[in-house]
Amino acid sequence: SDPGIVYHASDYSINAMRMEGGIQRIECGQCKMLRPTTASHCYECKLCIEGLDHHCPWTGKCIGKRTIFFFQMFLGLLCVHICLVVIGTLYYFTSK
């Protein structure tokens, strides 16, 4: 899924993109393209990602603006799973 990749825009002039829709854009020092100020460059993917949180080493994908909700849901469900395993293990060993 797309984490919020900032794509190159070929049909806009540089001056028109600097203030597109009231969003200020700056030039990325790595990929030399205009990106919103809320975007950051991912050095693993070599792309600018809007709202970049981190690059996940297990999935090999960026966690950005569009995927942060699913990442947080995964963490929440993982915590629930760990709690259930601990409770089940404690119940198993204390009931004998």
PDB file of N, CA and C in Angstrom:
ATOM      1  N   SER A   1       0.830  -1.184   0.000  1.00  0.00           N
ATOM      2  CA  SER A   1       0.000   0.000   0.000  1.00  0.00           C
ATOM      3  C   SER A   1       0.876   1.249   0.000  1.00  0.00           C
ATOM      4  N   ASP A   2       0.306   2.309  -0.469  1.00  0.00           N
ATOM      5  CA  ASP A   2       1.021   3.579  -0.592  1.00  0.00           C
ATOM      6  C   ASP A   2       1.055   4.292   0.760  1.00  0.00           C
ATOM      7  N   PRO A   3       2.244   4.501   1.342  1.00  0.00           N
ATOM      8  CA  PRO A   3       2.323   5.179   2.638  1.00  0.00           C
ATOM      9  C   PRO A   3       2.189   6.687   2.550  1.00  0.00           C
ATOM     10  N   GLY A   4       2.097   7.230   1.355  1.00  0.00           N
ATOM     11  CA  GLY A   4       2.012   8.680   1.155  1.00  0.00           C
ATOM     12  C   GLY A   4       3.173   9.193   0.332  1.00  0.00           C
ATOM     13  N   ILE A   5       3.530   8.453  -0.700  1.00  0.00           N
ATOM     14  CA  ILE A   5       4.664   8.815  -1.554  1.00  0.00           C
ATOM     15  C   ILE A   5       4.378  10.141  -2.248  1.00  0.00           C
ATOM     16  N   VAL A   6       5.359  11.029  -2.241  1.00  0.00           N
ATOM     17  CA  VAL A   6       5.256  12.297  -2.955  1.00  0.00           C
ATOM     18  C   VAL A   6       5.857  12.066  -4.334  1.00  0.00           C
ATOM     19  N   TYR A   7       5.016  12.147  -5.364  1.00  0.00           N
ATOM     20  CA  TYR A   7       5.449  11.864  -6.727  1.00  0.00           C
ATOM     21  C   TYR A   7       5.973  13.125  -7.404  1.00  0.00           C
ATOM     22  N   HIS A   8       6.835  12.933  -8.382  1.00  0.00           N
ATOM     23  CA  HIS A   8       7.319  14.043  -9.196  1.00  0.00           C
ATOM     24  C   HIS A   8       6.163  14.548 -10.044  1.00  0.00           C
ATOM     25  N   ALA A   9       6.011  15.855 -10.118  1.00  0.00           N
ATOM     26  CA  ALA A   9       4.959  16.445 -10.947  1.00  0.00           C
ATOM     27  C   ALA A   9       5.619  17.083 -12.152  1.00  0.00           C
ATOM     28  N   SER A  10       5.323  16.571 -13.318  1.00  0.00           N
ATOM     29  CA  SER A  10       5.994  17.054 -14.523  1.00  0.00           C
ATOM     30  C   SER A  10       5.242  18.201 -15.205  1.00  0.00           C
ATOM     31  N   ASP A  11       3.962  18.377 -14.901  1.00  0.00           N
ATOM     32  CA  ASP A  11       3.193  19.383 -15.619  1.00  0.00           C
ATOM     33  C   ASP A  11       3.068  20.708 -14.867  1.00  0.00           C
ATOM     34  N   TYR A  12       3.724  20.859 -13.766  1.00  0.00           N
ATOM     35  CA  TYR A  12       3.696  22.112 -13.015  1.00  0.00           C
ATOM     36  C   TYR A  12       5.050  22.805 -13.114  1.00  0.00           C
ATOM     37  N   SER A  13       4.996  24.100 -13.107  1.00  0.00           N
ATOM     38  CA  SER A  13       6.258  24.831 -13.042  1.00  0.00           C
ATOM     39  C   SER A  13       6.697  24.873 -11.588  1.00  0.00           C
ATOM     40  N   ILE A  14       7.961  25.136 -11.361  1.00  0.00           N
ATOM     41  CA  ILE A  14       8.501  25.156 -10.008  1.00  0.00           C
ATOM     42  C   ILE A  14       7.832  26.238  -9.173  1.00  0.00           C
ATOM     43  N   ASN A  15       7.614  27.413  -9.742  1.00  0.00           N
ATOM     44  CA  ASN A  15       6.992  28.497  -8.991  1.00  0.00           C
ATOM     45  C   ASN A  15       5.543  28.186  -8.624  1.00  0.00           C
ATOM     46  N   ALA A  16       4.823  27.515  -9.501  1.00  0.00           N
ATOM     47  CA  ALA A  16       3.430  27.172  -9.209  1.00  0.00           C
ATOM     48  C   ALA A  16       3.355  26.119  -8.111  1.00  0.00           C
ATOM     49  N   MET A  17       4.334  25.228  -8.036  1.00  0.00           N
ATOM     50  CA  MET A  17       4.305  24.171  -7.030  1.00  0.00           C
ATOM     51  C   MET A  17       4.734  24.648  -5.655  1.00  0.00           C
ATOM     52  N   ARG A  18       5.483  25.726  -5.578  1.00  0.00           N
ATOM     53  CA  ARG A  18       5.976  26.186  -4.270  1.00  0.00           C
ATOM     54  C   ARG A  18       4.839  26.539  -3.311  1.00  0.00           C
ATOM     55  N   MET A  19       3.716  27.017  -3.832  1.00  0.00           N
ATOM     56  CA  MET A  19       2.562  27.328  -2.991  1.00  0.00           C
ATOM     57  C   MET A  19       1.301  26.746  -3.613  1.00  0.00           C
ATOM     58  N   GLU A  20       1.253  25.461  -3.799  1.00  0.00           N
ATOM     59  CA  GLU A  20       0.111  24.797  -4.418  1.00  0.00           C
ATOM     60  C   GLU A  20      -0.959  24.543  -3.366  1.00  0.00           C
ATOM     61  N   GLY A  21      -2.106  25.142  -3.540  1.00  0.00           N
ATOM     62  CA  GLY A  21      -3.218  24.916  -2.623  1.00  0.00           C
ATOM     63  C   GLY A  21      -2.932  25.402  -1.212  1.00  0.00           C
ATOM     64  N   GLY A  22      -2.085  26.388  -1.060  1.00  0.00           N
ATOM     65  CA  GLY A  22      -1.763  26.900   0.264  1.00  0.00           C
ATOM     66  C   GLY A  22      -0.755  26.053   1.018  1.00  0.00           C
ATOM     67  N   ILE A  23      -0.253  25.000   0.407  1.00  0.00           N
ATOM     68  CA  ILE A  23       0.729  24.128   1.042  1.00  0.00           C
ATOM     69  C   ILE A  23       2.111  24.543   0.584  1.00  0.00           C
ATOM     70  N   GLN A  24       2.928  24.943   1.518  1.00  0.00           N
ATOM     71  CA  GLN A  24       4.282  25.339   1.157  1.00  0.00           C
ATOM     72  C   GLN A  24       5.102  24.097   0.835  1.00  0.00           C
ATOM     73  N   ARG A  25       5.894  24.194  -0.210  1.00  0.00           N
ATOM     74  CA  ARG A  25       6.734  23.079  -0.624  1.00  0.00           C
ATOM     75  C   ARG A  25       8.199  23.501  -0.588  1.00  0.00           C
ATOM     76  N   ILE A  26       9.041  22.543  -0.257  1.00  0.00           N
ATOM     77  CA  ILE A  26      10.478  22.786  -0.233  1.00  0.00           C
ATOM     78  C   ILE A  26      11.161  21.735  -1.095  1.00  0.00           C
ATOM     79  N   GLU A  27      12.378  22.016  -1.488  1.00  0.00           N
ATOM     80  CA  GLU A  27      13.117  21.069  -2.316  1.00  0.00           C
ATOM     81  C   GLU A  27      13.816  20.044  -1.417  1.00  0.00           C
ATOM     82  N   CYS A  28      13.659  18.782  -1.753  1.00  0.00           N
ATOM     83  CA  CYS A  28      14.323  17.706  -1.017  1.00  0.00           C
ATOM     84  C   CYS A  28      15.807  17.726  -1.376  1.00  0.00           C
ATOM     85  N   GLY A  29      16.655  17.637  -0.375  1.00  0.00           N
ATOM     86  CA  GLY A  29      18.090  17.662  -0.612  1.00  0.00           C
ATOM     87  C   GLY A  29      18.626  16.380  -1.231  1.00  0.00           C
ATOM     88  N   GLN A  30      17.867  15.296  -1.122  1.00  0.00           N
ATOM     89  CA  GLN A  30      18.329  14.008  -1.639  1.00  0.00           C
ATOM     90  C   GLN A  30      17.834  13.737  -3.057  1.00  0.00           C
ATOM     91  N   CYS A  31      16.526  13.851  -3.276  1.00  0.00           N
ATOM     92  CA  CYS A  31      15.978  13.505  -4.597  1.00  0.00           C
ATOM     93  C   CYS A  31      15.699  14.731  -5.464  1.00  0.00           C
ATOM     94  N   LYS A  32      15.981  15.921  -4.946  1.00  0.00           N
ATOM     95  CA  LYS A  32      15.889  17.168  -5.718  1.00  0.00           C
ATOM     96  C   LYS A  32      14.509  17.415  -6.311  1.00  0.00           C
ATOM     97  N   MET A  33      13.463  17.099  -5.576  1.00  0.00           N
ATOM     98  CA  MET A  33      12.106  17.393  -6.027  1.00  0.00           C
ATOM     99  C   MET A  33      11.408  18.229  -4.967  1.00  0.00           C
ATOM    100  N   LEU A  34      10.353  18.919  -5.378  1.00  0.00           N
ATOM    101  CA  LEU A  34       9.582  19.706  -4.428  1.00  0.00           C
ATOM    102  C   LEU A  34       8.646  18.797  -3.663  1.00  0.00           C
ATOM    103  N   ARG A  35       8.624  18.955  -2.354  1.00  0.00           N
ATOM    104  CA  ARG A  35       7.774  18.144  -1.489  1.00  0.00           C
ATOM    105  C   ARG A  35       7.133  19.035  -0.439  1.00  0.00           C
ATOM    106  N   PRO A  36       5.990  18.625   0.122  1.00  0.00           N
ATOM    107  CA  PRO A  36       5.389  19.414   1.207  1.00  0.00           C
ATOM    108  C   PRO A  36       6.329  19.434   2.418  1.00  0.00           C
ATOM    109  N   THR A  37       6.183  20.443   3.260  1.00  0.00           N
ATOM    110  CA  THR A  37       7.044  20.538   4.442  1.00  0.00           C
ATOM    111  C   THR A  37       6.777  19.416   5.434  1.00  0.00           C
ATOM    112  N   THR A  38       5.626  18.745   5.314  1.00  0.00           N
ATOM    113  CA  THR A  38       5.308  17.638   6.215  1.00  0.00           C
ATOM    114  C   THR A  38       5.918  16.317   5.754  1.00  0.00           C
ATOM    115  N   ALA A  39       6.510  16.301   4.577  1.00  0.00           N
ATOM    116  CA  ALA A  39       7.116  15.078   4.045  1.00  0.00           C
ATOM    117  C   ALA A  39       8.591  15.005   4.431  1.00  0.00           C
ATOM    118  N   SER A  40       9.083  13.773   4.526  1.00  0.00           N
ATOM    119  CA  SER A  40      10.494  13.531   4.816  1.00  0.00           C
ATOM    120  C   SER A  40      11.032  12.511   3.833  1.00  0.00           C
ATOM    121  N   HIS A  41      12.335  12.503   3.677  1.00  0.00           N
ATOM    122  CA  HIS A  41      12.970  11.570   2.754  1.00  0.00           C
ATOM    123  C   HIS A  41      13.309  10.276   3.486  1.00  0.00           C
ATOM    124  N   CYS A  42      12.931   9.146   2.908  1.00  0.00           N
ATOM    125  CA  CYS A  42      13.295   7.835   3.454  1.00  0.00           C
ATOM    126  C   CYS A  42      14.564   7.378   2.751  1.00  0.00           C
ATOM    127  N   TYR A  43      15.601   7.154   3.522  1.00  0.00           N
ATOM    128  CA  TYR A  43      16.887   6.788   2.944  1.00  0.00           C
ATOM    129  C   TYR A  43      16.941   5.320   2.521  1.00  0.00           C
ATOM    130  N   GLU A  44      16.009   4.512   3.022  1.00  0.00           N
ATOM    131  CA  GLU A  44      15.943   3.108   2.603  1.00  0.00           C
ATOM    132  C   GLU A  44      15.236   2.974   1.250  1.00  0.00           C
ATOM    133  N   CYS A  45      14.107   3.648   1.110  1.00  0.00           N
ATOM    134  CA  CYS A  45      13.307   3.560  -0.119  1.00  0.00           C
ATOM    135  C   CYS A  45      13.751   4.543  -1.191  1.00  0.00           C
ATOM    136  N   LYS A  46      14.505   5.561  -0.803  1.00  0.00           N
ATOM    137  CA  LYS A  46      14.952   6.615  -1.720  1.00  0.00           C
ATOM    138  C   LYS A  46      13.772   7.404  -2.274  1.00  0.00           C
ATOM    139  N   LEU A  47      12.753   7.648  -1.412  1.00  0.00           N
ATOM    140  CA  LEU A  47      11.553   8.396  -1.792  1.00  0.00           C
ATOM    141  C   LEU A  47      11.194   9.378  -0.696  1.00  0.00           C
ATOM    142  N   CYS A  48      10.447  10.412  -1.059  1.00  0.00           N
ATOM    143  CA  CYS A  48       9.884  11.327  -0.070  1.00  0.00           C
ATOM    144  C   CYS A  48       8.499  10.798   0.310  1.00  0.00           C
ATOM    145  N   ILE A  49       8.248  10.694   1.613  1.00  0.00           N
ATOM    146  CA  ILE A  49       7.004  10.152   2.140  1.00  0.00           C
ATOM    147  C   ILE A  49       6.341  11.222   3.000  1.00  0.00           C
ATOM    148  N   GLU A  50       5.069  11.494   2.736  1.00  0.00           N
ATOM    149  CA  GLU A  50       4.360  12.487   3.539  1.00  0.00           C
ATOM    150  C   GLU A  50       4.028  11.902   4.904  1.00  0.00           C
ATOM    151  N   GLY A  51       4.380  12.629   5.948  1.00  0.00           N
ATOM    152  CA  GLY A  51       4.120  12.181   7.319  1.00  0.00           C
ATOM    153  C   GLY A  51       4.944  10.964   7.704  1.00  0.00           C
ATOM    154  N   LEU A  52       6.173  10.869   7.221  1.00  0.00           N
ATOM    155  CA  LEU A  52       7.008   9.685   7.483  1.00  0.00           C
ATOM    156  C   LEU A  52       7.210   9.485   8.975  1.00  0.00           C
ATOM    157  N   ASP A  53       6.878   8.312   9.466  1.00  0.00           N
ATOM    158  CA  ASP A  53       7.121   7.950  10.854  1.00  0.00           C
ATOM    159  C   ASP A  53       8.433   7.190  10.956  1.00  0.00           C
ATOM    160  N   HIS A  54       8.520   6.085  10.201  1.00  0.00           N
ATOM    161  CA  HIS A  54       9.760   5.309  10.163  1.00  0.00           C
ATOM    162  C   HIS A  54       9.709   4.313   9.001  1.00  0.00           C
ATOM    163  N   HIS A  55      10.834   3.687   8.736  1.00  0.00           N
ATOM    164  CA  HIS A  55      10.908   2.615   7.744  1.00  0.00           C
ATOM    165  C   HIS A  55      10.928   1.307   8.515  1.00  0.00           C
ATOM    166  N   CYS A  56       9.972   0.453   8.261  1.00  0.00           N
ATOM    167  CA  CYS A  56       9.857  -0.810   8.996  1.00  0.00           C
ATOM    168  C   CYS A  56      10.822  -1.843   8.418  1.00  0.00           C
ATOM    169  N   PRO A  57      11.767  -2.322   9.215  1.00  0.00           N
ATOM    170  CA  PRO A  57      12.726  -3.292   8.692  1.00  0.00           C
ATOM    171  C   PRO A  57      12.129  -4.678   8.453  1.00  0.00           C
ATOM    172  N   TRP A  58      11.019  -5.000   9.130  1.00  0.00           N
ATOM    173  CA  TRP A  58      10.426  -6.331   8.969  1.00  0.00           C
ATOM    174  C   TRP A  58       9.602  -6.436   7.711  1.00  0.00           C
ATOM    175  N   THR A  59       8.899  -5.374   7.341  1.00  0.00           N
ATOM    176  CA  THR A  59       8.088  -5.419   6.121  1.00  0.00           C
ATOM    177  C   THR A  59       8.804  -4.785   4.941  1.00  0.00           C
ATOM    178  N   GLY A  60       9.835  -3.997   5.226  1.00  0.00           N
ATOM    179  CA  GLY A  60      10.565  -3.326   4.153  1.00  0.00           C
ATOM    180  C   GLY A  60       9.791  -2.173   3.550  1.00  0.00           C
ATOM    181  N   LYS A  61       8.843  -1.615   4.307  1.00  0.00           N
ATOM    182  CA  LYS A  61       8.012  -0.518   3.817  1.00  0.00           C
ATOM    183  C   LYS A  61       8.048   0.642   4.800  1.00  0.00           C
ATOM    184  N   CYS A  62       7.691   1.802   4.287  1.00  0.00           N
ATOM    185  CA  CYS A  62       7.624   3.002   5.125  1.00  0.00           C
ATOM    186  C   CYS A  62       6.278   3.063   5.829  1.00  0.00           C
ATOM    187  N   ILE A  63       6.302   3.606   7.043  1.00  0.00           N
ATOM    188  CA  ILE A  63       5.079   3.897   7.767  1.00  0.00           C
ATOM    189  C   ILE A  63       4.899   5.411   7.670  1.00  0.00           C
ATOM    190  N   GLY A  64       3.893   5.818   6.909  1.00  0.00           N
ATOM    191  CA  GLY A  64       3.661   7.235   6.654  1.00  0.00           C
ATOM    192  C   GLY A  64       2.228   7.638   6.941  1.00  0.00           C
ATOM    193  N   LYS A  65       1.827   8.746   6.370  1.00  0.00           N
ATOM    194  CA  LYS A  65       0.511   9.341   6.620  1.00  0.00           C
ATOM    195  C   LYS A  65      -0.638   8.373   6.322  1.00  0.00           C
ATOM    196  N   ARG A  66      -0.527   7.625   5.263  1.00  0.00           N
ATOM    197  CA  ARG A  66      -1.632   6.747   4.854  1.00  0.00           C
ATOM    198  C   ARG A  66      -1.587   5.357   5.483  1.00  0.00           C
ATOM    199  N   THR A  67      -0.491   4.988   6.124  1.00  0.00           N
ATOM    200  CA  THR A  67      -0.395   3.646   6.709  1.00  0.00           C
ATOM    201  C   THR A  67      -0.220   3.655   8.225  1.00  0.00           C
ATOM    202  N   ILE A  68      -0.162   4.824   8.850  1.00  0.00           N
ATOM    203  CA  ILE A  68       0.067   4.891  10.290  1.00  0.00           C
ATOM    204  C   ILE A  68      -1.098   4.295  11.074  1.00  0.00           C
ATOM    205  N   PHE A  69      -2.326   4.452  10.587  1.00  0.00           N
ATOM    206  CA  PHE A  69      -3.489   3.882  11.269  1.00  0.00           C
ATOM    207  C   PHE A  69      -3.378   2.356  11.346  1.00  0.00           C
ATOM    208  N   PHE A  70      -3.022   1.734  10.234  1.00  0.00           N
ATOM    209  CA  PHE A  70      -2.918   0.275  10.213  1.00  0.00           C
ATOM    210  C   PHE A  70      -1.763  -0.206  11.090  1.00  0.00           C
ATOM    211  N   PHE A  71      -0.676   0.550  11.128  1.00  0.00           N
ATOM    212  CA  PHE A  71       0.451   0.210  11.988  1.00  0.00           C
ATOM    213  C   PHE A  71       0.046   0.292  13.458  1.00  0.00           C
ATOM    214  N   GLN A  72      -0.697   1.329  13.825  1.00  0.00           N
ATOM    215  CA  GLN A  72      -1.143   1.471  15.202  1.00  0.00           C
ATOM    216  C   GLN A  72      -2.149   0.385  15.575  1.00  0.00           C
ATOM    217  N   MET A  73      -3.006   0.006  14.645  1.00  0.00           N
ATOM    218  CA  MET A  73      -3.934  -1.106  14.900  1.00  0.00           C
ATOM    219  C   MET A  73      -3.167  -2.412  15.098  1.00  0.00           C
ATOM    220  N   PHE A  74      -2.137  -2.627  14.293  1.00  0.00           N
ATOM    221  CA  PHE A  74      -1.300  -3.819  14.447  1.00  0.00           C
ATOM    222  C   PHE A  74      -0.660  -3.853  15.825  1.00  0.00           C
ATOM    223  N   LEU A  75      -0.124  -2.711  16.284  1.00  0.00           N
ATOM    224  CA  LEU A  75       0.498  -2.657  17.607  1.00  0.00           C
ATOM    225  C   LEU A  75      -0.517  -2.902  18.712  1.00  0.00           C
ATOM    226  N   GLY A  76      -1.711  -2.331  18.562  1.00  0.00           N
ATOM    227  CA  GLY A  76      -2.758  -2.555  19.560  1.00  0.00           C
ATOM    228  C   GLY A  76      -3.178  -4.012  19.643  1.00  0.00           C
ATOM    229  N   LEU A  77      -3.377  -4.635  18.497  1.00  0.00           N
ATOM    230  CA  LEU A  77      -3.767  -6.053  18.487  1.00  0.00           C
ATOM    231  C   LEU A  77      -2.633  -6.946  18.982  1.00  0.00           C
ATOM    232  N   LEU A  78      -1.404  -6.551  18.717  1.00  0.00           N
ATOM    233  CA  LEU A  78      -0.262  -7.302  19.233  1.00  0.00           C
ATOM    234  C   LEU A  78      -0.223  -7.235  20.761  1.00  0.00           C
ATOM    235  N   CYS A  79      -0.518  -6.087  21.331  1.00  0.00           N
ATOM    236  CA  CYS A  79      -0.572  -5.949  22.793  1.00  0.00           C
ATOM    237  C   CYS A  79      -1.690  -6.803  23.382  1.00  0.00           C
ATOM    238  N   VAL A  80      -2.854  -6.813  22.741  1.00  0.00           N
ATOM    239  CA  VAL A  80      -3.963  -7.658  23.199  1.00  0.00           C
ATOM    240  C   VAL A  80      -3.566  -9.125  23.144  1.00  0.00           C
ATOM    241  N   HIS A  81      -2.921  -9.537  22.075  1.00  0.00           N
ATOM    242  CA  HIS A  81      -2.476 -10.924  21.932  1.00  0.00           C
ATOM    243  C   HIS A  81      -1.490 -11.302  23.031  1.00  0.00           C
ATOM    244  N   ILE A  82      -0.533 -10.432  23.310  1.00  0.00           N
ATOM    245  CA  ILE A  82       0.457 -10.714  24.356  1.00  0.00           C
ATOM    246  C   ILE A  82      -0.227 -10.830  25.718  1.00  0.00           C
ATOM    247  N   CYS A  83      -1.174  -9.942  26.000  1.00  0.00           N
ATOM    248  CA  CYS A  83      -1.911 -10.017  27.270  1.00  0.00           C
ATOM    249  C   CYS A  83      -2.677 -11.328  27.394  1.00  0.00           C
ATOM    250  N   LEU A  84      -3.336 -11.746  26.328  1.00  0.00           N
ATOM    251  CA  LEU A  84      -4.085 -13.001  26.355  1.00  0.00           C
ATOM    252  C   LEU A  84      -3.169 -14.204  26.556  1.00  0.00           C
ATOM    253  N   VAL A  85      -2.009 -14.185  25.939  1.00  0.00           N
ATOM    254  CA  VAL A  85      -1.053 -15.282  26.115  1.00  0.00           C
ATOM    255  C   VAL A  85      -0.550 -15.321  27.556  1.00  0.00           C
ATOM    256  N   VAL A  86      -0.247 -14.169  28.131  1.00  0.00           N
ATOM    257  CA  VAL A  86       0.233 -14.124  29.517  1.00  0.00           C
ATOM    258  C   VAL A  86      -0.856 -14.585  30.476  1.00  0.00           C
ATOM    259  N   ILE A  87      -2.080 -14.110  30.277  1.00  0.00           N
ATOM    260  CA  ILE A  87      -3.187 -14.523  31.142  1.00  0.00           C
ATOM    261  C   ILE A  87      -3.451 -16.013  31.000  1.00  0.00           C
ATOM    262  N   GLY A  88      -3.456 -16.513  29.785  1.00  0.00           N
ATOM    263  CA  GLY A  88      -3.661 -17.950  29.568  1.00  0.00           C
ATOM    264  C   GLY A  88      -2.565 -18.795  30.188  1.00  0.00           C
ATOM    265  N   THR A  89      -1.322 -18.343  30.095  1.00  0.00           N
ATOM    266  CA  THR A  89      -0.202 -19.074  30.677  1.00  0.00           C
ATOM    267  C   THR A  89      -0.286 -19.059  32.198  1.00  0.00           C
ATOM    268  N   LEU A  90      -0.591 -17.913  32.786  1.00  0.00           N
ATOM    269  CA  LEU A  90      -0.744 -17.828  34.248  1.00  0.00           C
ATOM    270  C   LEU A  90      -1.893 -18.703  34.737  1.00  0.00           C
ATOM    271  N   TYR A  91      -3.002 -18.682  34.027  1.00  0.00           N
ATOM    272  CA  TYR A  91      -4.141 -19.520  34.391  1.00  0.00           C
ATOM    273  C   TYR A  91      -3.786 -21.001  34.306  1.00  0.00           C
ATOM    274  N   TYR A  92      -3.086 -21.388  33.278  1.00  0.00           N
ATOM    275  CA  TYR A  92      -2.707 -22.794  33.085  1.00  0.00           C
ATOM    276  C   TYR A  92      -1.808 -23.284  34.235  1.00  0.00           C
ATOM    277  N   PHE A  93      -0.816 -22.491  34.612  1.00  0.00           N
ATOM    278  CA  PHE A  93       0.128 -22.939  35.634  1.00  0.00           C
ATOM    279  C   PHE A  93      -0.376 -22.742  37.050  1.00  0.00           C
ATOM    280  N   THR A  94      -1.334 -21.869  37.282  1.00  0.00           N
ATOM    281  CA  THR A  94      -1.852 -21.686  38.645  1.00  0.00           C
ATOM    282  C   THR A  94      -3.081 -22.536  38.929  1.00  0.00           C
ATOM    283  N   SER A  95      -3.686 -23.097  37.934  1.00  0.00           N
ATOM    284  CA  SER A  95      -4.892 -23.900  38.151  1.00  0.00           C
ATOM    285  C   SER A  95      -4.580 -25.342  38.526  1.00  0.00           C
ATOM    286  N   LYS A  96      -3.329 -25.764  38.454  1.00  0.00           N
ATOM    287  CA  LYS A  96      -2.988 -27.155  38.776  1.00  0.00           C
ATOM    288  C   LYS A  96      -2.606 -27.336  40.196  1.00  0.00           C
TER     289      LYS A  96
END
